[in-house]
Amino acid sequence: MDADCVFCKIVNKEIPSRFVEETSNLVVFEDINPQAPIHFLIVSKKHIADITKDSGVGWASIGKLAVKLAKEKEVSSFRLVHNAGGAAEIKHMHVHFLGNVSVDRKL
């Protein structure tokens, strides 16, 4: 837990958010600035900076949950985007689930 991290505050319900899904180690909620018809954030409950600091377990859990979300929401196409290091605006492991995007859509 990082007291200054916005995602830690969301995970701990200090900042209100409606979770789309929750598991023992992940939460999913809608992005407040959506970049796709469906834009969820899949966020680790544990404060891990990014994939470079993950043992692989978090990353595998995110992938499984993304597939589950796609099936449940009947999403025909999706992208998963993860930013690491200097590319990450929020230094807390999360993945953008961008649903119903086409192949010609630029990142």
Protein backbone atom coordinates (compact mmCIF):
# COMPACT_ATOMS: atom_id res chain seq x y z
CA MET A 1 0.00 0.00 0.00
CA ASP A 2 1.24 3.43 -0.95
CA ALA A 3 -0.58 6.20 0.92
CA ASP A 4 -0.20 8.61 -2.02
CA CYS A 5 -1.25 6.18 -4.78
CA VAL A 6 -4.67 6.85 -6.34
CA PHE A 7 -5.13 3.17 -7.26
CA CYS A 8 -4.30 2.04 -3.71
CA LYS A 9 -6.97 4.46 -2.50
CA ILE A 10 -9.50 3.04 -4.97
CA VAL A 11 -8.63 -0.55 -4.01
CA ASN A 12 -9.07 0.34 -0.32
CA LYS A 13 -12.35 2.16 -1.08
CA GLU A 14 -11.01 5.50 0.12
CA ILE A 15 -11.95 6.89 -3.30
CA PRO A 16 -15.41 5.77 -4.44
CA SER A 17 -15.51 3.59 -7.52
CA ARG A 18 -17.96 1.02 -8.81
CA PHE A 19 -16.09 -2.23 -9.35
CA VAL A 20 -17.10 -4.13 -12.48
CA GLU A 21 -15.33 -7.21 -11.11
CA GLU A 22 -13.27 -8.13 -8.07
CA THR A 23 -11.09 -11.13 -7.32
CA SER A 24 -8.79 -11.92 -4.42
CA ASN A 25 -5.94 -9.98 -6.05
CA LEU A 26 -7.51 -7.69 -8.69
CA VAL A 27 -10.21 -5.06 -9.13
CA VAL A 28 -11.77 -3.84 -12.37
CA PHE A 29 -13.45 -0.50 -12.89
CA GLU A 30 -14.32 1.81 -15.78
CA ASP A 31 -11.69 4.32 -16.88
CA ILE A 32 -12.79 7.90 -16.16
CA ASN A 33 -11.36 9.00 -19.53
CA PRO A 34 -12.38 6.16 -21.89
CA GLN A 35 -10.41 5.66 -25.08
CA ALA A 36 -12.60 2.86 -26.48
CA PRO A 37 -16.28 1.85 -26.45
CA ILE A 38 -15.43 -0.34 -23.44
CA HIS A 39 -12.47 0.80 -21.35
CA PHE A 40 -11.80 -0.95 -18.06
CA LEU A 41 -8.78 -0.75 -15.80
CA ILE A 42 -7.66 -4.07 -14.34
CA VAL A 43 -5.71 -3.13 -11.22
CA SER A 44 -3.61 -5.17 -8.82
CA LYS A 45 -4.79 -4.96 -5.21
CA LYS A 46 -1.16 -5.13 -4.16
CA HIS A 47 0.95 -2.06 -4.86
CA ILE A 48 3.39 -3.24 -7.53
CA ALA A 49 4.93 -0.59 -9.78
CA ASP A 50 4.54 -2.48 -13.08
CA ILE A 51 5.20 -5.79 -14.85
CA THR A 52 8.96 -5.46 -14.28
CA LYS A 53 8.35 -5.84 -10.53
CA ASP A 54 5.80 -8.67 -10.85
CA SER A 55 6.64 -12.32 -10.23
CA GLY A 56 4.42 -13.30 -13.17
CA VAL A 57 1.48 -14.32 -11.01
CA GLY A 58 -0.21 -10.91 -11.26
CA TRP A 59 0.28 -10.76 -15.01
CA ALA A 60 -1.21 -14.25 -15.47
CA SER A 61 -4.20 -13.32 -13.28
CA ILE A 62 -4.80 -10.19 -15.34
CA GLY A 63 -4.80 -12.19 -18.58
CA LYS A 64 -7.29 -14.73 -17.24
CA LEU A 65 -9.57 -12.01 -15.92
CA ALA A 66 -9.42 -10.12 -19.24
CA VAL A 67 -10.61 -13.22 -21.12
CA LYS A 68 -13.41 -13.71 -18.57
CA LEU A 69 -14.48 -10.05 -18.96
CA ALA A 70 -14.52 -10.35 -22.75
CA LYS A 71 -16.80 -13.39 -22.57
CA GLU A 72 -19.12 -11.92 -19.93
CA LYS A 73 -19.44 -8.55 -21.71
CA GLU A 74 -19.70 -10.22 -25.14
CA VAL A 75 -16.76 -8.19 -26.40
CA SER A 76 -15.84 -9.31 -29.91
CA SER A 77 -12.38 -7.71 -29.96
CA PHE A 78 -10.13 -6.16 -27.37
CA ARG A 79 -6.65 -4.92 -26.57
CA LEU A 80 -4.70 -5.05 -23.35
CA VAL A 81 -2.29 -2.16 -22.78
CA HIS A 82 0.22 -1.98 -19.95
CA ASN A 83 2.62 0.91 -19.41
CA ALA A 84 5.85 0.31 -17.50
CA GLY A 85 8.59 2.57 -16.18
CA GLY A 86 8.50 6.10 -17.54
CA ALA A 87 5.55 5.25 -19.82
CA ALA A 88 3.24 4.77 -16.80
CA GLU A 89 1.37 7.82 -15.53
CA ILE A 90 0.33 5.97 -12.36
CA LYS A 91 3.07 3.74 -10.93
CA HIS A 92 0.72 0.95 -9.81
CA MET A 93 0.40 -2.20 -11.93
CA HIS A 94 -2.68 -1.96 -14.11
CA VAL A 95 -3.83 -2.92 -17.57
CA HIS A 96 -6.17 -1.03 -19.84
CA PHE A 97 -8.83 -3.34 -21.28
CA LEU A 98 -9.96 -1.66 -24.51
CA GLY A 99 -13.02 -3.45 -25.84
CA ASN A 100 -14.72 -3.45 -29.23
CA VAL A 101 -11.80 -1.88 -31.05
CA SER A 102 -10.91 -2.61 -34.65
CA VAL A 103 -7.59 -3.60 -36.18
CA ASP A 104 -7.12 -0.21 -37.84
CA ARG A 105 -7.44 1.72 -34.56
CA LYS A 106 -4.16 3.38 -33.62
CA LEU A 107 -2.94 3.29 -30.05
